[in-house]
Amino acid sequence: MRSVYAFLLLIPVLVGFPVPVLAASPTCVAPEVKLSWPAVDPIWEMCWLGPNQSVGPRGSGMELRNVHWNGQLVLRRAHAPMLFAEYKGGAGGDCYRDWKDARTPILAAAGVQNQLGVIPPGGEPAKTSCDRSLDATASYGVCPYALPTPPGYSCANGVMIEDMGSHVLLTTQYIADWYMYSSRIEFHADGRIAPTFGFGNRNGTFNHVTHWHHNYWRFEFDIDGLGDNVVSTNGVDQATEFSDVRDASGGPGGGPKTWEVRNATSGNGFRLIPGTNDYLVPANQSGRGFHMTDFMATRANAGEYGDTPDYNLFDCSMHAGNLVNGQSIANTNPALYYRVAVRDTTANDWPPGCSGAGCQAQDSMVCKSAGPVWVPFGPWVDLIFANGFDALVPGARPHLFR
C-alpha cells in the first residue's frame, strides 16, 4: 500500500498538471492535535479535538478542523453540534437536546488511544457501547461493557485513531445521562469520507417507551481554500440556503437524491450519498413536527454551530429556519448539515395502532447506527485514476460510486 502513497506524490510530475499535491498542511494549535495518515507521505492530514474540547452549544462531539486530502484543503470543520431524543406520546420527559461534551471511555488497544496506531495481531478495533449492545433488552453499562479486557487493551477517553491499511478510522464516544453515543469517521486513500453515528443506551432507562434519536452532522467545506464553493442538488446549483429530504429514487435515472459541493474554479468536489440505514427513519416519523428535514445547506457564519445559541435541554425542535434564512451560498464557504436518526421500538408499540403479530418486536436496547459517504469527484480524482491508481488499488474506482 505504501507504493500507492509514493505514486500519488509523483502525479504532477508524470502528467505536468498543476495540481498542488501535498502543497499544504494544516497548522494545529493546542489543544488541537495533528493527525497525518499515513505517518510517512500522508494522504490525509487534519487537526482533531475530543468531545470535551469541541465548539458549539454543549459541545459537538469529535471535532475535525482543516482537513486536507493530498495537500488540498477539503473541510474547515467537521463535527456534530445538534443531538436530540424524543419520545412517543411525550412520555419520559417528552424530549431532550442531548449534550455532546461529556466523553466516556472506549475499550481500545493502548497504541491507538489518542494517537495514530495499528490494531495488534489478533486484536479488534476500538469497541464502543454501540458495538456491544446487540441484545433487545439487556444493558451492558459503561466500558468494558461486562467484557473481559484483553492484554494490551484498556478503557480510555478521547479519540481512538486506527490505521486500517486502506483508510484511517477515528472513533470517540460521549455520554448524555441515559445514553451513550459513538461517533466514527473513516478517511479512505481514494478520497471517500464515511461518517457513522451510533445511538446506544447506557442503563436501560425508558427503554420501555418507543423513542427516536436525531444527530445532525455539520460539514464546513472550503474546497481548495479559495472561498468559492457551490452547492447543488442532483447536479443543479443552488443560489441561496435551502433544506431538503432524502429520496431513495429521486435522483437522476431513478437513483438516490444526492447533494454536491464543489470549488467553482477547479471543479474539485464531494458528493453526499445517503447510507442504507439513513432511509429507515424519515423526517418527522414521530409525527410531532420536531425534525422536518434531512439536509441543510447554509452559509458558514462565524460562531454559528447550530440552530440556537441557547441550548435548552427541553427545546424539542430543530429550528431549521434559524439556519436556512435566505443567505446566499453561491461562491462562498458553505456549512452543510445532515441528519441521521434511529428509532428504538418497544413491543406492541409500533407502528401506531398495531396489535399482536402486527407489531414490531422490541429492539429498544439494540444499538443502531447510520451515516452517509462523501465521494470525491472532479480533476483531483480523474488525475489520480488516469495515472494508474486503479492498477495499484484494484477495485478502488467502484467504491467512488457506491
Protein backbone atom coordinates (compact mmCIF):
# COMPACT_ATOMS: atom_id res chain seq x y z
CA MET A 1 0.00 0.00 0.00
CA ARG A 2 2.90 2.36 0.66
CA SER A 3 3.68 2.25 -3.10
CA VAL A 4 0.29 3.91 -3.67
CA TYR A 5 1.23 6.80 -1.43
CA ALA A 6 4.54 7.27 -3.24
CA PHE A 7 2.77 7.17 -6.60
CA LEU A 8 0.38 9.93 -5.59
CA LEU A 9 3.32 12.18 -4.89
CA LEU A 10 4.59 11.69 -8.44
CA ILE A 11 1.33 12.51 -10.24
CA PRO A 12 2.07 16.20 -11.02
CA VAL A 13 5.46 15.28 -12.44
CA LEU A 14 4.10 12.46 -14.58
CA VAL A 15 1.39 14.47 -16.28
CA GLY A 16 2.57 18.05 -15.94
CA PHE A 17 -0.74 19.10 -14.42
CA PRO A 18 -0.61 21.95 -11.88
CA VAL A 19 -2.38 20.16 -9.01
CA PRO A 20 -0.86 21.08 -5.63
CA VAL A 21 -0.42 17.54 -4.26
CA LEU A 22 0.88 17.84 -0.69
CA ALA A 23 1.29 21.58 -1.26
CA ALA A 24 -0.40 22.44 2.02
CA SER A 25 -0.51 21.01 5.51
CA PRO A 26 -2.63 22.12 8.47
CA THR A 27 -1.10 24.01 11.36
CA CYS A 28 -2.67 22.81 14.60
CA VAL A 29 -2.80 25.00 17.70
CA ALA A 30 -3.18 23.41 21.14
CA PRO A 31 -5.43 21.84 22.28
CA GLU A 32 -5.76 20.73 18.64
CA VAL A 33 -3.75 17.62 17.80
CA LYS A 34 -2.39 16.96 14.31
CA LEU A 35 -3.11 13.69 12.52
CA SER A 36 -1.12 12.67 9.45
CA TRP A 37 -2.11 9.40 7.76
CA PRO A 38 -0.09 7.54 6.84
CA ALA A 39 2.67 8.86 9.08
CA VAL A 40 5.05 8.98 6.09
CA ASP A 41 3.94 10.69 2.87
CA PRO A 42 0.46 11.43 4.28
CA ILE A 43 -2.68 11.36 2.18
CA TRP A 44 -4.95 12.80 4.87
CA GLU A 45 -3.98 15.48 7.40
CA MET A 46 -6.16 17.29 9.92
CA CYS A 47 -6.40 18.74 13.42
CA TRP A 48 -8.63 16.92 15.90
CA LEU A 49 -10.28 17.68 19.23
CA GLY A 50 -12.09 15.41 21.66
CA PRO A 51 -15.75 15.96 22.63
CA ASN A 52 -14.82 17.85 25.80
CA GLN A 53 -12.88 20.41 23.74
CA SER A 54 -15.33 20.87 20.86
CA VAL A 55 -17.17 24.07 19.96
CA GLY A 56 -20.90 24.73 19.92
CA PRO A 57 -23.70 24.75 22.48
CA ARG A 58 -22.84 21.92 24.90
CA GLY A 59 -20.11 20.73 22.54
CA SER A 60 -20.23 18.99 19.18
CA GLY A 61 -18.58 15.63 19.78
CA MET A 62 -15.37 14.73 17.97
CA GLU A 63 -14.31 17.81 16.02
CA LEU A 64 -12.01 17.82 12.99
CA ARG A 65 -10.51 21.03 11.62
CA ASN A 66 -8.58 22.00 8.48
CA VAL A 67 -8.92 18.60 6.83
CA HIS A 68 -6.58 18.14 3.85
CA TRP A 69 -6.55 15.42 1.18
CA ASN A 70 -3.29 15.12 -0.78
CA GLY A 71 -2.29 18.62 0.30
CA GLN A 72 -5.53 20.33 -0.68
CA LEU A 73 -7.99 21.77 1.82
CA VAL A 74 -11.34 19.99 1.94
CA LEU A 75 -13.04 20.95 5.23
CA ARG A 76 -12.62 23.79 7.67
CA ARG A 77 -14.57 21.82 10.27
CA ALA A 78 -16.49 18.55 10.68
CA HIS A 79 -18.49 17.87 13.84
CA ALA A 80 -22.00 17.11 15.17
CA PRO A 81 -23.41 20.08 17.08
CA MET A 82 -27.09 19.03 17.38
CA LEU A 83 -28.38 15.88 19.05
CA PHE A 84 -31.92 15.06 20.21
CA ALA A 85 -34.00 12.36 21.90
CA GLU A 86 -37.81 12.39 21.61
CA TYR A 87 -40.45 10.02 22.99
CA LYS A 88 -43.66 8.64 21.55
CA GLY A 89 -46.65 10.39 23.09
CA GLY A 90 -44.46 12.70 25.15
CA ALA A 91 -43.62 10.05 27.77
CA GLY A 92 -40.39 10.00 29.72
CA GLY A 93 -39.80 13.73 29.88
CA ASP A 94 -41.20 14.44 26.40
CA CYS A 95 -37.92 15.16 24.59
CA TYR A 96 -34.39 16.42 25.10
CA ARG A 97 -31.46 18.13 23.46
CA ASP A 98 -28.58 15.91 24.50
CA TRP A 99 -25.15 17.29 25.24
CA LYS A 100 -22.01 16.28 23.30
CA ASP A 101 -19.13 17.37 25.52
CA ALA A 102 -19.06 14.61 28.18
CA ARG A 103 -16.70 11.91 26.92
CA THR A 104 -16.87 8.34 28.22
CA PRO A 105 -14.28 5.55 27.86
CA ILE A 106 -13.84 3.20 24.90
CA LEU A 107 -12.20 -0.24 25.05
CA ALA A 108 -9.15 0.05 22.79
CA ALA A 109 -5.56 -1.03 22.29
CA ALA A 110 -3.07 1.25 24.02
CA GLY A 111 -1.36 2.09 20.72
CA VAL A 112 -4.42 3.80 19.23
CA GLN A 113 -5.53 5.83 22.24
CA ASN A 114 -5.35 9.49 21.18
CA GLN A 115 -2.68 8.70 18.61
CA LEU A 116 -2.33 7.05 15.21
CA GLY A 117 -1.64 3.35 15.65
CA VAL A 118 -2.39 -0.16 14.45
CA ILE A 119 -4.51 -2.92 15.93
CA PRO A 120 -2.25 -5.59 17.46
CA PRO A 121 -2.20 -9.04 15.80
CA GLY A 122 -5.31 -10.93 16.77
CA GLY A 123 -6.86 -7.80 18.27
CA GLU A 124 -10.07 -5.96 17.48
CA PRO A 125 -10.87 -2.36 16.56
CA ALA A 126 -11.88 0.04 19.31
CA LYS A 127 -15.11 -1.16 20.91
CA THR A 128 -17.84 1.28 21.91
CA SER A 129 -21.09 0.65 23.74
CA CYS A 130 -22.78 0.55 20.33
CA ASP A 131 -20.56 -2.34 19.21
CA ARG A 132 -21.54 -4.32 22.32
CA SER A 133 -25.27 -3.55 22.53
CA LEU A 134 -26.84 -6.20 20.30
CA ASP A 135 -29.48 -7.51 22.72
CA ALA A 136 -33.08 -6.24 22.58
CA THR A 137 -33.41 -5.70 26.34
CA ALA A 138 -30.01 -6.11 28.03
CA SER A 139 -27.86 -3.26 29.27
CA TYR A 140 -24.08 -3.68 29.44
CA GLY A 141 -23.20 -0.46 31.24
CA VAL A 142 -20.03 1.52 30.64
CA CYS A 143 -16.62 0.32 29.44
CA PRO A 144 -15.64 -2.54 29.41
CA TYR A 145 -19.35 -3.38 28.93
CA ALA A 146 -19.24 -6.60 31.00
CA LEU A 147 -16.46 -7.95 28.76
CA PRO A 148 -13.00 -9.25 29.75
CA THR A 149 -10.23 -6.77 28.97
CA PRO A 150 -7.70 -8.31 26.55
CA PRO A 151 -3.96 -7.87 27.23
CA GLY A 152 -2.76 -4.52 25.92
CA TYR A 153 -6.28 -3.06 25.94
CA SER A 154 -7.85 -0.65 28.41
CA CYS A 155 -10.76 1.74 28.80
CA ALA A 156 -9.67 5.19 27.64
CA ASN A 157 -11.24 8.58 27.00
CA GLY A 158 -10.65 10.67 23.89
CA VAL A 159 -10.26 9.75 20.21
CA MET A 160 -9.06 6.33 19.07
CA ILE A 161 -7.14 6.55 15.76
CA GLU A 162 -6.58 3.29 13.88
CA ASP A 163 -4.56 2.75 10.70
CA MET A 164 -6.69 0.21 8.81
CA GLY A 165 -4.35 -0.03 5.80
CA SER A 166 -6.64 1.38 3.11
CA HIS A 167 -8.12 4.01 5.43
CA VAL A 168 -7.78 5.64 8.83
CA LEU A 169 -10.61 5.28 11.36
CA LEU A 170 -11.31 7.83 14.12
CA THR A 171 -13.65 6.80 16.95
CA THR A 172 -14.97 8.62 20.00
CA GLN A 173 -17.85 8.18 22.42
CA TYR A 174 -19.78 10.53 24.67
CA ILE A 175 -22.47 10.20 27.28
CA ALA A 176 -25.70 12.10 27.96
CA ASP A 177 -27.27 10.62 31.08
CA TRP A 178 -29.23 7.52 29.89
CA TYR A 179 -27.47 7.31 26.52
CA MET A 180 -24.04 6.73 25.05
CA TYR A 181 -23.31 7.90 21.52
CA SER A 182 -20.47 6.77 19.28
CA SER A 183 -19.02 8.91 16.51
CA ARG A 184 -16.78 7.45 13.82
CA ILE A 185 -15.27 8.82 10.62
CA GLU A 186 -13.31 6.87 8.01
CA PHE A 187 -10.92 8.65 5.66
CA HIS A 188 -10.03 6.45 2.68
CA ALA A 189 -7.00 6.69 0.42
CA ASP A 190 -9.29 7.13 -2.61
CA GLY A 191 -10.80 10.26 -1.02
CA ARG A 192 -14.02 8.88 0.45
CA ILE A 193 -15.15 10.24 3.81
CA ALA A 194 -17.57 7.97 5.69
CA PRO A 195 -19.04 9.28 8.98
CA THR A 196 -21.12 6.93 11.14
CA PHE A 197 -23.12 7.78 14.26
CA GLY A 198 -24.21 5.14 16.77
CA PHE A 199 -27.05 5.57 19.28
CA GLY A 200 -26.78 3.41 22.41
CA ASN A 201 -28.45 3.10 25.81
CA ARG A 202 -26.32 3.18 28.98
CA ASN A 203 -28.59 1.66 31.63
CA GLY A 204 -32.00 0.82 30.15
CA THR A 205 -33.84 3.88 31.42
CA PHE A 206 -37.08 4.40 29.46
CA ASN A 207 -36.30 1.54 27.10
CA HIS A 208 -39.99 0.63 27.58
CA VAL A 209 -41.04 3.74 25.61
CA THR A 210 -40.61 3.93 21.85
CA HIS A 211 -38.36 6.87 21.10
CA TRP A 212 -36.20 8.48 18.43
CA HIS A 213 -32.68 9.89 18.39
CA HIS A 214 -31.56 12.50 15.84
CA ASN A 215 -27.97 13.57 15.16
CA TYR A 216 -27.01 16.44 12.85
CA TRP A 217 -23.53 16.33 11.35
CA ARG A 218 -22.11 19.68 10.27
CA PHE A 219 -19.55 19.80 7.43
CA GLU A 220 -17.99 23.21 6.80
CA PHE A 221 -16.42 22.99 3.34
CA ASP A 222 -13.82 25.20 1.74
CA ILE A 223 -12.52 23.02 -1.09
CA ASP A 224 -9.13 24.22 -2.31
CA GLY A 225 -9.25 27.01 0.29
CA LEU A 226 -10.42 29.67 -2.15
CA GLY A 227 -13.81 30.50 -0.63
CA ASP A 228 -15.71 29.97 -3.88
CA ASN A 229 -17.65 26.78 -3.29
CA VAL A 230 -21.01 25.94 -4.87
CA VAL A 231 -23.71 23.56 -3.57
CA SER A 232 -26.04 21.58 -5.82
CA THR A 233 -28.93 19.12 -5.59
CA ASN A 234 -28.88 16.31 -8.17
CA GLY A 235 -26.37 18.42 -10.11
CA VAL A 236 -28.45 21.64 -10.08
CA ASP A 237 -26.65 24.57 -8.44
CA GLN A 238 -28.46 26.37 -5.62
CA ALA A 239 -28.01 30.11 -5.08
CA THR A 240 -29.44 30.50 -1.57
CA GLU A 241 -29.68 28.49 1.62
CA PHE A 242 -32.08 25.55 1.44
CA SER A 243 -33.29 22.42 3.24
CA ASP A 244 -34.19 19.08 1.73
CA VAL A 245 -35.23 15.49 2.50
CA ARG A 246 -33.84 12.17 1.35
CA ASP A 247 -35.37 10.32 -1.59
CA ALA A 248 -34.09 6.85 -2.48
CA SER A 249 -35.32 7.15 -6.08
CA GLY A 250 -35.36 10.93 -6.52
CA GLY A 251 -32.04 11.27 -8.30
CA PRO A 252 -31.05 11.09 -11.96
CA GLY A 253 -32.14 7.81 -13.55
CA GLY A 254 -34.18 6.82 -10.53
CA GLY A 255 -31.16 6.58 -8.24
CA PRO A 256 -30.90 8.27 -4.84
CA LYS A 257 -31.10 12.02 -4.46
CA THR A 258 -27.63 13.38 -3.80
CA TRP A 259 -26.08 16.71 -2.87
CA GLU A 260 -22.75 18.09 -4.01
CA VAL A 261 -20.29 20.79 -3.04
CA ARG A 262 -17.51 21.82 -5.39
CA ASN A 263 -14.98 24.54 -5.97
CA ALA A 264 -16.40 26.70 -8.77
CA THR A 265 -12.95 27.32 -10.26
CA SER A 266 -11.16 23.97 -10.02
CA GLY A 267 -14.20 21.69 -10.30
CA ASN A 268 -12.98 19.61 -7.38
CA GLY A 269 -15.87 18.47 -5.23
CA PHE A 270 -17.58 15.95 -2.96
CA ARG A 271 -20.93 14.23 -3.42
CA LEU A 272 -23.02 13.15 -0.41
CA ILE A 273 -24.69 9.77 -0.88
CA PRO A 274 -27.04 8.60 1.91
CA GLY A 275 -26.29 5.24 3.51
CA THR A 276 -28.80 2.38 3.53
CA ASN A 277 -29.69 2.89 7.20
CA ASP A 278 -30.25 6.62 6.67
CA TYR A 279 -33.59 5.87 4.98
CA LEU A 280 -35.02 3.85 7.88
CA VAL A 281 -36.21 6.90 9.84
CA PRO A 282 -37.60 9.60 7.54
CA ALA A 283 -38.14 13.17 8.63
CA ASN A 284 -40.96 13.56 11.16
CA GLN A 285 -41.60 9.83 11.61
CA SER A 286 -42.87 10.56 15.13
CA GLY A 287 -45.48 12.95 13.71
CA ARG A 288 -44.61 15.60 16.29
CA GLY A 289 -43.10 18.10 13.85
CA PHE A 290 -39.75 18.38 15.63
CA HIS A 291 -37.44 17.15 12.85
CA MET A 292 -38.69 18.00 9.39
CA THR A 293 -35.55 17.92 7.25
CA ASP A 294 -32.58 15.69 6.42
CA PHE A 295 -30.19 18.11 4.73
CA MET A 296 -29.49 21.83 5.03
CA ALA A 297 -27.11 23.99 3.03
CA THR A 298 -26.21 27.20 4.84
CA ARG A 299 -23.62 29.91 4.75
CA ALA A 300 -20.76 29.26 7.18
CA ASN A 301 -21.20 32.20 9.54
CA ALA A 302 -18.64 32.77 12.28
CA GLY A 303 -19.75 31.18 15.55
CA GLU A 304 -22.92 29.62 14.06
CA TYR A 305 -22.61 25.98 15.08
CA GLY A 306 -26.26 25.05 15.35
CA ASP A 307 -29.84 26.25 15.24
CA THR A 308 -29.73 28.17 18.53
CA PRO A 309 -27.02 29.62 20.77
CA ASP A 310 -29.16 28.81 23.84
CA TYR A 311 -29.07 25.02 24.09
CA ASN A 312 -32.12 24.48 26.27
CA LEU A 313 -32.43 20.86 27.46
CA PHE A 314 -36.19 20.76 26.80
CA ASP A 315 -36.16 22.55 23.43
CA CYS A 316 -37.54 19.68 21.34
CA SER A 317 -37.42 21.12 17.82
CA MET A 318 -34.53 21.63 15.49
CA HIS A 319 -35.20 25.20 14.31
CA ALA A 320 -34.25 24.94 10.65
CA GLY A 321 -35.47 28.47 9.97
CA ASN A 322 -32.71 29.89 12.16
CA LEU A 323 -30.13 28.39 9.83
CA VAL A 324 -31.88 28.41 6.46
CA ASN A 325 -32.88 32.07 6.30
CA GLY A 326 -32.20 33.28 2.78
CA GLN A 327 -28.47 33.96 2.76
CA SER A 328 -26.53 33.45 -0.45
CA ILE A 329 -24.42 30.29 -0.68
CA ALA A 330 -23.11 30.91 -4.20
CA ASN A 331 -19.31 31.11 -4.35
CA THR A 332 -18.80 31.12 -0.61
CA ASN A 333 -17.91 28.72 2.22
CA PRO A 334 -20.97 26.55 2.95
CA ALA A 335 -21.86 24.66 6.10
CA LEU A 336 -23.82 21.52 5.23
CA TYR A 337 -25.93 19.79 7.90
CA TYR A 338 -27.00 16.17 7.53
CA ARG A 339 -29.43 14.34 9.83
CA VAL A 340 -29.19 10.67 10.72
CA ALA A 341 -31.76 9.13 13.07
CA VAL A 342 -32.85 5.84 14.63
CA ARG A 343 -35.98 4.55 16.33
CA ASP A 344 -35.80 2.40 19.48
CA THR A 345 -39.02 0.39 19.48
CA THR A 346 -40.79 -1.37 22.33
CA ALA A 347 -43.11 -4.37 21.99
CA ASN A 348 -46.71 -3.77 20.88
CA ASP A 349 -46.00 -0.09 20.33
CA TRP A 350 -45.04 0.32 16.65
CA PRO A 351 -46.42 1.01 14.13
CA PRO A 352 -49.17 3.15 15.66
CA GLY A 353 -52.34 1.21 16.38
CA CYS A 354 -50.74 -2.20 15.91
CA SER A 355 -51.59 -5.31 17.91
CA GLY A 356 -50.09 -8.76 18.39
CA ALA A 357 -48.06 -10.10 15.49
CA GLY A 358 -48.65 -6.86 13.60
CA CYS A 359 -46.32 -5.02 15.96
CA GLN A 360 -42.57 -4.78 15.59
CA ALA A 361 -40.65 -6.83 18.13
CA GLN A 362 -38.85 -4.87 20.84
CA ASP A 363 -35.40 -3.69 19.83
CA SER A 364 -35.03 -0.69 22.11
CA MET A 365 -31.66 -1.72 23.59
CA VAL A 366 -30.07 -2.75 20.29
CA CYS A 367 -27.64 -0.03 19.26
CA LYS A 368 -28.33 1.30 15.78
CA SER A 369 -26.09 3.36 13.55
CA ALA A 370 -26.40 5.36 10.35
CA GLY A 371 -24.30 7.56 8.12
CA PRO A 372 -23.63 8.65 4.52
CA VAL A 373 -20.50 8.66 2.40
CA TRP A 374 -18.87 11.72 0.87
CA VAL A 375 -17.42 10.76 -2.53
CA PRO A 376 -14.84 12.98 -4.29
CA PHE A 377 -15.22 13.94 -7.93
CA GLY A 378 -13.56 16.27 -10.42
CA PRO A 379 -9.98 16.80 -11.64
CA TRP A 380 -8.33 15.70 -8.37
CA VAL A 381 -9.94 12.25 -8.75
CA ASP A 382 -9.68 11.98 -12.53
CA LEU A 383 -5.97 12.77 -12.35
CA ILE A 384 -5.26 10.01 -9.84
CA PHE A 385 -7.09 7.29 -11.77
CA ALA A 386 -5.79 8.43 -15.15
CA ASN A 387 -2.28 7.60 -13.95
CA GLY A 388 -2.66 4.14 -12.54
CA PHE A 389 -4.37 4.29 -9.15
CA ASP A 390 -6.82 1.63 -10.44
CA ALA A 391 -3.97 -0.80 -11.03
CA LEU A 392 -2.31 -0.09 -7.72
CA VAL A 393 -5.51 -0.42 -5.70
CA PRO A 394 -7.73 -2.96 -7.53
CA GLY A 395 -11.41 -2.16 -7.19
CA ALA A 396 -10.84 1.34 -5.82
CA ARG A 397 -12.78 3.19 -8.51
CA PRO A 398 -16.10 1.35 -8.00
CA HIS A 399 -16.06 2.46 -4.37
CA LEU A 400 -16.34 6.03 -5.53
CA PHE A 401 -19.77 5.39 -6.96
CA ARG A 402 -21.33 3.00 -4.47
